[in-house]
PDB file of N, CA and C in Angstrom:
ATOM      1  N   UNK A   1     -12.650  -8.489   0.759  1.00  0.00           N
ATOM      2  CA  UNK A   1     -12.925  -7.072   0.320  1.00  0.00           C
ATOM      3  C   UNK A   1     -11.777  -6.625  -0.421  1.00  0.00           C
ATOM      4  N   UNK A   2     -12.007  -5.604  -1.328  1.00  0.00           N
ATOM      5  CA  UNK A   2     -10.770  -5.051  -2.148  1.00  0.00           C
ATOM      6  C   UNK A   2      -9.998  -4.108  -1.247  1.00  0.00           C
ATOM      7  N   UNK A   3      -8.678  -3.998  -1.557  1.00  0.00           N
ATOM      8  CA  UNK A   3      -7.821  -3.078  -0.973  1.00  0.00           C
ATOM      9  C   UNK A   3      -7.325  -2.124  -2.153  1.00  0.00           C
ATOM     10  N   UNK A   4      -7.479  -0.871  -1.952  1.00  0.00           N
ATOM     11  CA  UNK A   4      -6.946   0.078  -3.048  1.00  0.00           C
ATOM     12  C   UNK A   4      -5.828   0.760  -2.578  1.00  0.00           C
ATOM     13  N   UNK A   5      -4.883   1.375  -3.426  1.00  0.00           N
ATOM     14  CA  UNK A   5      -3.763   2.016  -3.176  1.00  0.00           C
ATOM     15  C   UNK A   5      -3.489   3.043  -4.170  1.00  0.00           C
ATOM     16  N   UNK A   6      -3.108   4.417  -3.613  1.00  0.00           N
ATOM     17  CA  UNK A   6      -2.746   5.427  -4.591  1.00  0.00           C
ATOM     18  C   UNK A   6      -1.554   6.118  -3.949  1.00  0.00           C
ATOM     19  N   UNK A   7      -0.500   6.284  -4.883  1.00  0.00           N
ATOM     20  CA  UNK A   7       0.617   7.144  -4.523  1.00  0.00           C
ATOM     21  C   UNK A   7       0.581   8.366  -5.307  1.00  0.00           C
ATOM     22  N   UNK A   8       0.633   9.522  -4.558  1.00  0.00           N
ATOM     23  CA  UNK A   8       0.437  10.793  -5.262  1.00  0.00           C
ATOM     24  C   UNK A   8       1.060  11.943  -4.462  1.00  0.00           C
ATOM     25  N   UNK A   9       2.105  12.646  -5.048  1.00  0.00           N
ATOM     26  CA  UNK A   9       2.759  13.892  -4.397  1.00  0.00           C
ATOM     27  C   UNK A   9       3.050  13.489  -2.985  1.00  0.00           C
ATOM     28  N   UNK A  10       3.841  12.407  -2.580  1.00  0.00           N
ATOM     29  CA  UNK A  10       4.392  12.208  -1.354  1.00  0.00           C
ATOM     30  C   UNK A  10       3.210  11.675  -0.356  1.00  0.00           C
ATOM     31  N   UNK A  11       2.119  11.420  -0.936  1.00  0.00           N
ATOM     32  CA  UNK A  11       0.967  10.866   0.001  1.00  0.00           C
ATOM     33  C   UNK A  11       0.562   9.474  -0.625  1.00  0.00           C
ATOM     34  N   UNK A  12       0.220   8.582   0.370  1.00  0.00           N
ATOM     35  CA  UNK A  12      -0.327   7.385  -0.025  1.00  0.00           C
ATOM     36  C   UNK A  12      -1.739   7.258   0.642  1.00  0.00           C
ATOM     37  N   UNK A  13      -2.688   6.684  -0.091  1.00  0.00           N
ATOM     38  CA  UNK A  13      -3.997   6.637   0.425  1.00  0.00           C
ATOM     39  C   UNK A  13      -4.807   5.478  -0.227  1.00  0.00           C
ATOM     40  N   UNK A  14      -5.926   5.095   0.330  1.00  0.00           N
ATOM     41  CA  UNK A  14      -6.770   4.149  -0.318  1.00  0.00           C
ATOM     42  C   UNK A  14      -7.715   3.526   0.764  1.00  0.00           C
ATOM     43  N   UNK A  15      -8.234   2.329   0.340  1.00  0.00           N
ATOM     44  CA  UNK A  15      -9.285   1.694   1.177  1.00  0.00           C
ATOM     45  C   UNK A  15      -8.652   0.370   1.554  1.00  0.00           C
ATOM     46  N   UNK A  16      -8.535   0.114   2.852  1.00  0.00           N
ATOM     47  CA  UNK A  16      -7.967  -1.107   3.399  1.00  0.00           C
ATOM     48  C   UNK A  16      -9.033  -2.281   3.550  1.00  0.00           C
ATOM     49  N   UNK A  17     -10.246  -2.181   2.987  1.00  0.00           N
ATOM     50  CA  UNK A  17     -11.213  -3.099   3.113  1.00  0.00           C
ATOM     51  C   UNK A  17     -12.506  -2.587   3.708  1.00  0.00           C
ATOM     52  N   UNK A  18     -12.507  -1.815   4.737  1.00  0.00           N
ATOM     53  CA  UNK A  18     -13.617  -1.234   5.385  1.00  0.00           C
ATOM     54  C   UNK A  18     -13.328   0.180   5.760  1.00  0.00           C
ATOM     55  N   UNK A  19     -12.111   0.567   6.134  1.00  0.00           N
ATOM     56  CA  UNK A  19     -11.739   1.879   6.431  1.00  0.00           C
ATOM     57  C   UNK A  19     -10.750   2.517   5.632  1.00  0.00           C
ATOM     58  N   UNK A  20     -10.783   3.806   5.308  1.00  0.00           N
ATOM     59  CA  UNK A  20      -9.783   4.487   4.488  1.00  0.00           C
ATOM     60  C   UNK A  20      -8.567   4.567   5.228  1.00  0.00           C
ATOM     61  N   UNK A  21      -7.437   4.776   4.596  1.00  0.00           N
ATOM     62  CA  UNK A  21      -6.190   4.963   5.181  1.00  0.00           C
ATOM     63  C   UNK A  21      -5.316   6.082   4.407  1.00  0.00           C
ATOM     64  N   UNK A  22      -4.516   6.739   5.032  1.00  0.00           N
ATOM     65  CA  UNK A  22      -3.650   7.719   4.378  1.00  0.00           C
ATOM     66  C   UNK A  22      -2.288   7.807   5.143  1.00  0.00           C
ATOM     67  N   UNK A  23      -1.318   8.323   4.485  1.00  0.00           N
ATOM     68  CA  UNK A  23      -0.011   8.604   5.133  1.00  0.00           C
ATOM     69  C   UNK A  23       0.958   9.217   4.261  1.00  0.00           C
ATOM     70  N   UNK A  24       2.113   9.258   4.558  1.00  0.00           N
ATOM     71  CA  UNK A  24       3.216   9.806   3.709  1.00  0.00           C
ATOM     72  C   UNK A  24       4.158   8.650   3.162  1.00  0.00           C
ATOM     73  N   UNK A  25       4.752   9.040   2.021  1.00  0.00           N
ATOM     74  CA  UNK A  25       5.807   8.124   1.513  1.00  0.00           C
ATOM     75  C   UNK A  25       6.915   8.693   0.902  1.00  0.00           C
ATOM     76  N   UNK A  26       8.039   8.124   0.943  1.00  0.00           N
ATOM     77  CA  UNK A  26       9.229   8.612   0.152  1.00  0.00           C
ATOM     78  C   UNK A  26       9.645   7.486  -0.777  1.00  0.00           C
ATOM     79  N   UNK A  27      10.125   7.913  -1.981  1.00  0.00           N
ATOM     80  CA  UNK A  27      10.645   6.851  -2.999  1.00  0.00           C
ATOM     81  C   UNK A  27      11.845   7.538  -3.624  1.00  0.00           C
ATOM     82  N   UNK A  28      12.843   6.654  -3.858  1.00  0.00           N
ATOM     83  CA  UNK A  28      14.170   7.058  -4.609  1.00  0.00           C
ATOM     84  C   UNK A  28      14.438   5.937  -5.620  1.00  0.00           C
ATOM     85  N   UNK A  29      14.628   6.430  -6.800  1.00  0.00           N
ATOM     86  CA  UNK A  29      15.038   5.554  -7.994  1.00  0.00           C
ATOM     87  C   UNK A  29      16.323   4.837  -7.493  1.00  0.00           C
ATOM     88  N   UNK A  30      16.370   3.524  -7.596  1.00  0.00           N
ATOM     89  CA  UNK A  30      17.501   2.659  -7.311  1.00  0.00           C
ATOM     90  C   UNK A  30      18.509   2.681  -8.681  1.00  0.00           C
ATOM     91  N   UNK A  31      17.944   3.017  -9.819  1.00  0.00           N
ATOM     92  CA  UNK A  31      18.553   2.927 -11.061  1.00  0.00           C
ATOM     93  C   UNK A  31      18.616   1.567 -11.694  1.00  0.00           C
ATOM     94  N   UNK A  32      17.889   0.573 -11.060  1.00  0.00           N
ATOM     95  CA  UNK A  32      17.839  -0.810 -11.684  1.00  0.00           C
ATOM     96  C   UNK A  32      16.420  -1.194 -11.876  1.00  0.00           C
ATOM     97  N   UNK A  33      15.442  -0.327 -11.968  1.00  0.00           N
ATOM     98  CA  UNK A  33      14.035  -0.603 -12.328  1.00  0.00           C
ATOM     99  C   UNK A  33      13.393  -0.775 -11.069  1.00  0.00           C
ATOM    100  N   UNK A  34      14.075  -0.519  -9.744  1.00  0.00           N
ATOM    101  CA  UNK A  34      13.252  -0.608  -8.462  1.00  0.00           C
ATOM    102  C   UNK A  34      13.421   0.696  -7.771  1.00  0.00           C
ATOM    103  N   UNK A  35      12.574   0.983  -6.866  1.00  0.00           N
ATOM    104  CA  UNK A  35      12.685   2.231  -6.042  1.00  0.00           C
ATOM    105  C   UNK A  35      12.824   1.799  -4.592  1.00  0.00           C
ATOM    106  N   UNK A  36      13.596   2.532  -3.841  1.00  0.00           N
ATOM    107  CA  UNK A  36      13.554   2.405  -2.412  1.00  0.00           C
ATOM    108  C   UNK A  36      12.324   3.205  -1.828  1.00  0.00           C
ATOM    109  N   UNK A  37      11.517   2.463  -0.982  1.00  0.00           N
ATOM    110  CA  UNK A  37      10.298   3.282  -0.660  1.00  0.00           C
ATOM    111  C   UNK A  37      10.044   3.014   0.891  1.00  0.00           C
ATOM    112  N   UNK A  38       9.482   4.051   1.467  1.00  0.00           N
ATOM    113  CA  UNK A  38       9.274   4.027   2.899  1.00  0.00           C
ATOM    114  C   UNK A  38       7.879   4.640   3.057  1.00  0.00           C
ATOM    115  N   UNK A  39       7.094   4.024   3.870  1.00  0.00           N
ATOM    116  CA  UNK A  39       5.687   4.605   4.240  1.00  0.00           C
ATOM    117  C   UNK A  39       5.701   4.849   5.816  1.00  0.00           C
ATOM    118  N   UNK A  40       5.201   6.146   6.094  1.00  0.00           N
ATOM    119  CA  UNK A  40       5.054   6.488   7.454  1.00  0.00           C
ATOM    120  C   UNK A  40       3.866   7.328   7.747  1.00  0.00           C
ATOM    121  N   UNK A  41       3.631   7.492   9.044  1.00  0.00           N
ATOM    122  CA  UNK A  41       2.583   8.386   9.421  1.00  0.00           C
ATOM    123  C   UNK A  41       1.201   7.913   8.882  1.00  0.00           C
ATOM    124  N   UNK A  42       1.069   6.629   8.898  1.00  0.00           N
ATOM    125  CA  UNK A  42      -0.155   6.016   8.393  1.00  0.00           C
ATOM    126  C   UNK A  42      -1.318   6.170   9.411  1.00  0.00           C
ATOM    127  N   UNK A  43      -2.455   6.680   8.948  1.00  0.00           N
ATOM    128  CA  UNK A  43      -3.643   6.740   9.765  1.00  0.00           C
ATOM    129  C   UNK A  43      -4.791   6.151   9.032  1.00  0.00           C
ATOM    130  N   UNK A  44      -5.672   5.686   9.773  1.00  0.00           N
ATOM    131  CA  UNK A  44      -6.836   4.918   9.351  1.00  0.00           C
ATOM    132  C   UNK A  44      -8.112   5.496   9.966  1.00  0.00           C
ATOM    133  N   UNK A  45      -9.164   5.070   9.296  1.00  0.00           N
ATOM    134  CA  UNK A  45     -10.501   5.355   9.823  1.00  0.00           C
ATOM    135  C   UNK A  45     -10.824   4.482  10.975  1.00  0.00           C
ATOM    136  N   UNK A  46     -11.795   4.673  11.773  1.00  0.00           N
ATOM    137  CA  UNK A  46     -12.022   3.948  13.035  1.00  0.00           C
ATOM    138  C   UNK A  46     -13.368   3.277  13.046  1.00  0.00           C
ATOM    139  N   UNK A  47     -13.850   2.955  11.875  1.00  0.00           N
ATOM    140  CA  UNK A  47     -15.155   2.241  11.871  1.00  0.00           C
ATOM    141  C   UNK A  47     -14.954   0.803  12.256  1.00  0.00           C
ATOM    142  N   UNK A  48     -15.910   0.251  12.917  1.00  0.00           N
ATOM    143  CA  UNK A  48     -15.901  -1.010  13.320  1.00  0.00           C
ATOM    144  C   UNK A  48     -16.304  -2.012  12.099  1.00  0.00           C
ATOM    145  N   UNK A  49     -15.575  -3.075  11.932  1.00  0.00           N
ATOM    146  CA  UNK A  49     -15.823  -3.884  10.821  1.00  0.00           C
ATOM    147  C   UNK A  49     -15.931  -5.341  11.350  1.00  0.00           C
ATOM    148  N   UNK A  50     -16.403  -6.217  10.453  1.00  0.00           N
ATOM    149  CA  UNK A  50     -16.467  -7.651  10.859  1.00  0.00           C
ATOM    150  C   UNK A  50     -15.064  -8.033  11.155  1.00  0.00           C
ATOM    151  N   UNK A  51     -14.666  -8.945  12.088  1.00  0.00           N
ATOM    152  CA  UNK A  51     -13.458  -9.454  12.561  1.00  0.00           C
ATOM    153  C   UNK A  51     -12.562  -9.807  11.373  1.00  0.00           C
ATOM    154  N   UNK A  52     -13.099 -10.643  10.398  1.00  0.00           N
ATOM    155  CA  UNK A  52     -12.252 -11.078   9.352  1.00  0.00           C
ATOM    156  C   UNK A  52     -11.716  -9.841   8.492  1.00  0.00           C
ATOM    157  N   UNK A  53     -12.507  -8.824   8.353  1.00  0.00           N
ATOM    158  CA  UNK A  53     -12.075  -7.622   7.563  1.00  0.00           C
ATOM    159  C   UNK A  53     -11.008  -6.819   8.480  1.00  0.00           C
ATOM    160  N   UNK A  54     -11.224  -6.753   9.766  1.00  0.00           N
ATOM    161  CA  UNK A  54     -10.346  -6.061  10.504  1.00  0.00           C
ATOM    162  C   UNK A  54      -9.015  -6.783  10.453  1.00  0.00           C
ATOM    163  N   UNK A  55      -9.015  -8.021  10.460  1.00  0.00           N
ATOM    164  CA  UNK A  55      -7.690  -8.911  10.387  1.00  0.00           C
ATOM    165  C   UNK A  55      -7.063  -8.591   9.156  1.00  0.00           C
ATOM    166  N   UNK A  56      -7.695  -8.543   8.072  1.00  0.00           N
ATOM    167  CA  UNK A  56      -7.109  -8.108   6.719  1.00  0.00           C
ATOM    168  C   UNK A  56      -6.563  -6.755   6.795  1.00  0.00           C
ATOM    169  N   UNK A  57      -7.304  -5.714   7.329  1.00  0.00           N
ATOM    170  CA  UNK A  57      -6.885  -4.397   7.353  1.00  0.00           C
ATOM    171  C   UNK A  57      -5.542  -4.283   8.401  1.00  0.00           C
ATOM    172  N   UNK A  58      -5.546  -4.955   9.521  1.00  0.00           N
ATOM    173  CA  UNK A  58      -4.422  -4.756  10.250  1.00  0.00           C
ATOM    174  C   UNK A  58      -3.075  -5.389   9.590  1.00  0.00           C
ATOM    175  N   UNK A  59      -3.356  -6.643   8.957  1.00  0.00           N
ATOM    176  CA  UNK A  59      -2.264  -7.190   8.306  1.00  0.00           C
ATOM    177  C   UNK A  59      -1.733  -6.314   7.042  1.00  0.00           C
ATOM    178  N   UNK A  60      -2.662  -5.730   6.336  1.00  0.00           N
ATOM    179  CA  UNK A  60      -2.235  -4.772   5.205  1.00  0.00           C
ATOM    180  C   UNK A  60      -1.476  -3.599   5.822  1.00  0.00           C
ATOM    181  N   UNK A  61      -1.948  -2.972   6.785  1.00  0.00           N
ATOM    182  CA  UNK A  61      -1.395  -1.695   7.337  1.00  0.00           C
ATOM    183  C   UNK A  61       0.074  -2.099   7.832  1.00  0.00           C
ATOM    184  N   UNK A  62       0.275  -3.162   8.432  1.00  0.00           N
ATOM    185  CA  UNK A  62       1.512  -3.674   8.919  1.00  0.00           C
ATOM    186  C   UNK A  62       2.408  -3.835   7.807  1.00  0.00           C
ATOM    187  N   UNK A  63       1.943  -4.579   6.796  1.00  0.00           N
ATOM    188  CA  UNK A  63       2.776  -4.947   5.607  1.00  0.00           C
ATOM    189  C   UNK A  63       3.208  -3.624   4.873  1.00  0.00           C
ATOM    190  N   UNK A  64       2.291  -2.718   4.675  1.00  0.00           N
ATOM    191  CA  UNK A  64       2.402  -1.510   4.001  1.00  0.00           C
ATOM    192  C   UNK A  64       3.592  -0.644   4.687  1.00  0.00           C
ATOM    193  N   UNK A  65       3.514  -0.613   6.032  1.00  0.00           N
ATOM    194  CA  UNK A  65       4.536   0.117   6.744  1.00  0.00           C
ATOM    195  C   UNK A  65       5.863  -0.615   6.707  1.00  0.00           C
ATOM    196  N   UNK A  66       6.084  -1.923   6.325  1.00  0.00           N
ATOM    197  CA  UNK A  66       7.218  -2.632   6.318  1.00  0.00           C
ATOM    198  C   UNK A  66       7.915  -2.567   4.902  1.00  0.00           C
ATOM    199  N   UNK A  67       7.305  -2.072   3.894  1.00  0.00           N
ATOM    200  CA  UNK A  67       7.743  -2.149   2.465  1.00  0.00           C
ATOM    201  C   UNK A  67       9.107  -1.242   2.414  1.00  0.00           C
ATOM    202  N   UNK A  68       9.999  -1.740   1.729  1.00  0.00           N
ATOM    203  CA  UNK A  68      11.191  -1.032   1.399  1.00  0.00           C
ATOM    204  C   UNK A  68      11.685  -0.879  -0.059  1.00  0.00           C
ATOM    205  N   UNK A  69      10.864  -1.677  -0.872  1.00  0.00           N
ATOM    206  CA  UNK A  69      11.180  -1.677  -2.247  1.00  0.00           C
ATOM    207  C   UNK A  69      10.021  -1.645  -3.252  1.00  0.00           C
ATOM    208  N   UNK A  70      10.013  -0.934  -4.290  1.00  0.00           N
ATOM    209  CA  UNK A  70       8.785  -0.912  -5.234  1.00  0.00           C
ATOM    210  C   UNK A  70       9.309  -1.260  -6.508  1.00  0.00           C
ATOM    211  N   UNK A  71       8.675  -2.045  -7.384  1.00  0.00           N
ATOM    212  CA  UNK A  71       8.954  -2.308  -8.758  1.00  0.00           C
ATOM    213  C   UNK A  71       7.691  -2.246  -9.455  1.00  0.00           C
ATOM    214  N   UNK A  72       7.673  -1.499 -10.726  1.00  0.00           N
ATOM    215  CA  UNK A  72       6.534  -1.360 -11.655  1.00  0.00           C
ATOM    216  C   UNK A  72       6.806  -2.107 -12.852  1.00  0.00           C
ATOM    217  N   UNK A  73       6.099  -3.079 -13.266  1.00  0.00           N
ATOM    218  CA  UNK A  73       6.088  -3.737 -14.527  1.00  0.00           C
ATOM    219  C   UNK A  73       4.717  -3.790 -15.257  1.00  0.00           C
ATOM    220  N   UNK A  74       4.651  -3.011 -16.384  1.00  0.00           N
ATOM    221  CA  UNK A  74       3.440  -2.702 -17.122  1.00  0.00           C
ATOM    222  C   UNK A  74       2.355  -2.261 -16.208  1.00  0.00           C
ATOM    223  N   UNK A  75       1.364  -2.907 -15.891  1.00  0.00           N
ATOM    224  CA  UNK A  75       0.288  -2.401 -15.025  1.00  0.00           C
ATOM    225  C   UNK A  75       0.299  -3.018 -13.694  1.00  0.00           C
ATOM    226  N   UNK A  76       1.492  -3.497 -13.221  1.00  0.00           N
ATOM    227  CA  UNK A  76       1.524  -4.189 -11.902  1.00  0.00           C
ATOM    228  C   UNK A  76       2.620  -3.435 -11.137  1.00  0.00           C
ATOM    229  N   UNK A  77       2.288  -3.221  -9.843  1.00  0.00           N
ATOM    230  CA  UNK A  77       3.153  -2.701  -8.877  1.00  0.00           C
ATOM    231  C   UNK A  77       3.245  -3.713  -7.671  1.00  0.00           C
ATOM    232  N   UNK A  78       4.636  -4.059  -7.488  1.00  0.00           N
ATOM    233  CA  UNK A  78       4.957  -5.078  -6.457  1.00  0.00           C
ATOM    234  C   UNK A  78       5.767  -4.231  -5.401  1.00  0.00           C
ATOM    235  N   UNK A  79       5.308  -4.297  -4.175  1.00  0.00           N
ATOM    236  CA  UNK A  79       5.843  -3.735  -3.041  1.00  0.00           C
ATOM    237  C   UNK A  79       6.459  -4.786  -2.189  1.00  0.00           C
ATOM    238  N   UNK A  80       7.720  -4.663  -1.705  1.00  0.00           N
ATOM    239  CA  UNK A  80       8.143  -5.787  -1.004  1.00  0.00           C
ATOM    240  C   UNK A  80       9.096  -5.079   0.185  1.00  0.00           C
ATOM    241  N   UNK A  81       9.316  -6.004   1.167  1.00  0.00           N
ATOM    242  CA  UNK A  81      10.102  -5.730   2.318  1.00  0.00           C
ATOM    243  C   UNK A  81      10.452  -7.062   3.017  1.00  0.00           C
ATOM    244  N   UNK A  82      11.066  -7.032   4.134  1.00  0.00           N
ATOM    245  CA  UNK A  82      11.309  -8.256   4.752  1.00  0.00           C
ATOM    246  C   UNK A  82      10.007  -9.075   5.141  1.00  0.00           C
ATOM    247  N   UNK A  83      10.031 -10.308   4.603  1.00  0.00           N
ATOM    248  CA  UNK A  83       8.898 -11.130   4.810  1.00  0.00           C
ATOM    249  C   UNK A  83       7.518 -10.513   4.407  1.00  0.00           C
ATOM    250  N   UNK A  84       7.490  -9.617   3.413  1.00  0.00           N
ATOM    251  CA  UNK A  84       6.352  -8.957   3.048  1.00  0.00           C
ATOM    252  C   UNK A  84       6.337  -8.769   1.460  1.00  0.00           C
ATOM    253  N   UNK A  85       5.185  -9.072   0.691  1.00  0.00           N
ATOM    254  CA  UNK A  85       5.062  -8.675  -0.617  1.00  0.00           C
ATOM    255  C   UNK A  85       3.648  -8.426  -0.912  1.00  0.00           C
ATOM    256  N   UNK A  86       3.371  -7.187  -1.534  1.00  0.00           N
ATOM    257  CA  UNK A  86       2.064  -6.722  -1.912  1.00  0.00           C
ATOM    258  C   UNK A  86       1.994  -6.526  -3.344  1.00  0.00           C
ATOM    259  N   UNK A  87       1.113  -7.001  -4.056  1.00  0.00           N
ATOM    260  CA  UNK A  87       0.970  -6.785  -5.463  1.00  0.00           C
ATOM    261  C   UNK A  87      -0.332  -6.056  -5.864  1.00  0.00           C
ATOM    262  N   UNK A  88      -0.210  -5.017  -6.687  1.00  0.00           N
ATOM    263  CA  UNK A  88      -1.432  -4.318  -7.100  1.00  0.00           C
ATOM    264  C   UNK A  88      -1.400  -4.189  -8.612  1.00  0.00           C
ATOM    265  N   UNK A  89      -2.548  -4.031  -9.144  1.00  0.00           N
ATOM    266  CA  UNK A  89      -2.819  -3.938 -10.598  1.00  0.00           C
ATOM    267  C   UNK A  89      -3.570  -2.764 -10.805  1.00  0.00           C
ATOM    268  N   UNK A  90      -3.167  -2.057 -11.877  1.00  0.00           N
ATOM    269  CA  UNK A  90      -3.812  -0.763 -12.340  1.00  0.00           C
ATOM    270  C   UNK A  90      -5.106  -1.253 -12.894  1.00  0.00           C
ATOM    271  N   UNK A  91      -6.191  -0.653 -12.517  1.00  0.00           N
ATOM    272  CA  UNK A  91      -7.602  -1.004 -13.071  1.00  0.00           C
ATOM    273  C   UNK A  91      -8.170   0.342 -13.589  1.00  0.00           C
ATOM    274  N   UNK A  92      -8.505   0.392 -14.753  1.00  0.00           N
ATOM    275  CA  UNK A  92      -9.148   1.587 -15.220  1.00  0.00           C
ATOM    276  C   UNK A  92     -10.662   1.421 -15.529  1.00  0.00           C
ATOM    277  N   UNK A  93     -11.436   2.275 -15.346  1.00  0.00           N
ATOM    278  CA  UNK A  93     -12.811   2.251 -15.628  1.00  0.00           C
ATOM    279  C   UNK A  93     -13.066   2.188 -17.103  1.00  0.00           C
ATOM    280  N   UNK A  94     -14.523   1.996 -17.495  1.00  0.00           N
ATOM    281  CA  UNK A  94     -14.840   1.928 -18.797  1.00  0.00           C
ATOM    282  C   UNK A  94     -14.750   3.186 -19.524  1.00  0.00           C
TER     283      UNK A  94
END
């Protein structure tokens, strides 16, 4: 399933596969094209989903809370932290 992500006005939100999630984030420009990022107070929906999707959601939520750095290159956002890397692409509608 698709995972979506939106950062807006100190809030992070999206779909983790089956359940919506939201939380708070902080970001500070490192001056080298990267940002120091932290995500906290993450909450999720409580719908029961197939086990493989729940595994995906749990892994994504853990990874999102572990990120420390963000880098934007054209339409790609890379979030990384210790032993974690998430890559998102900007997709626009027709």
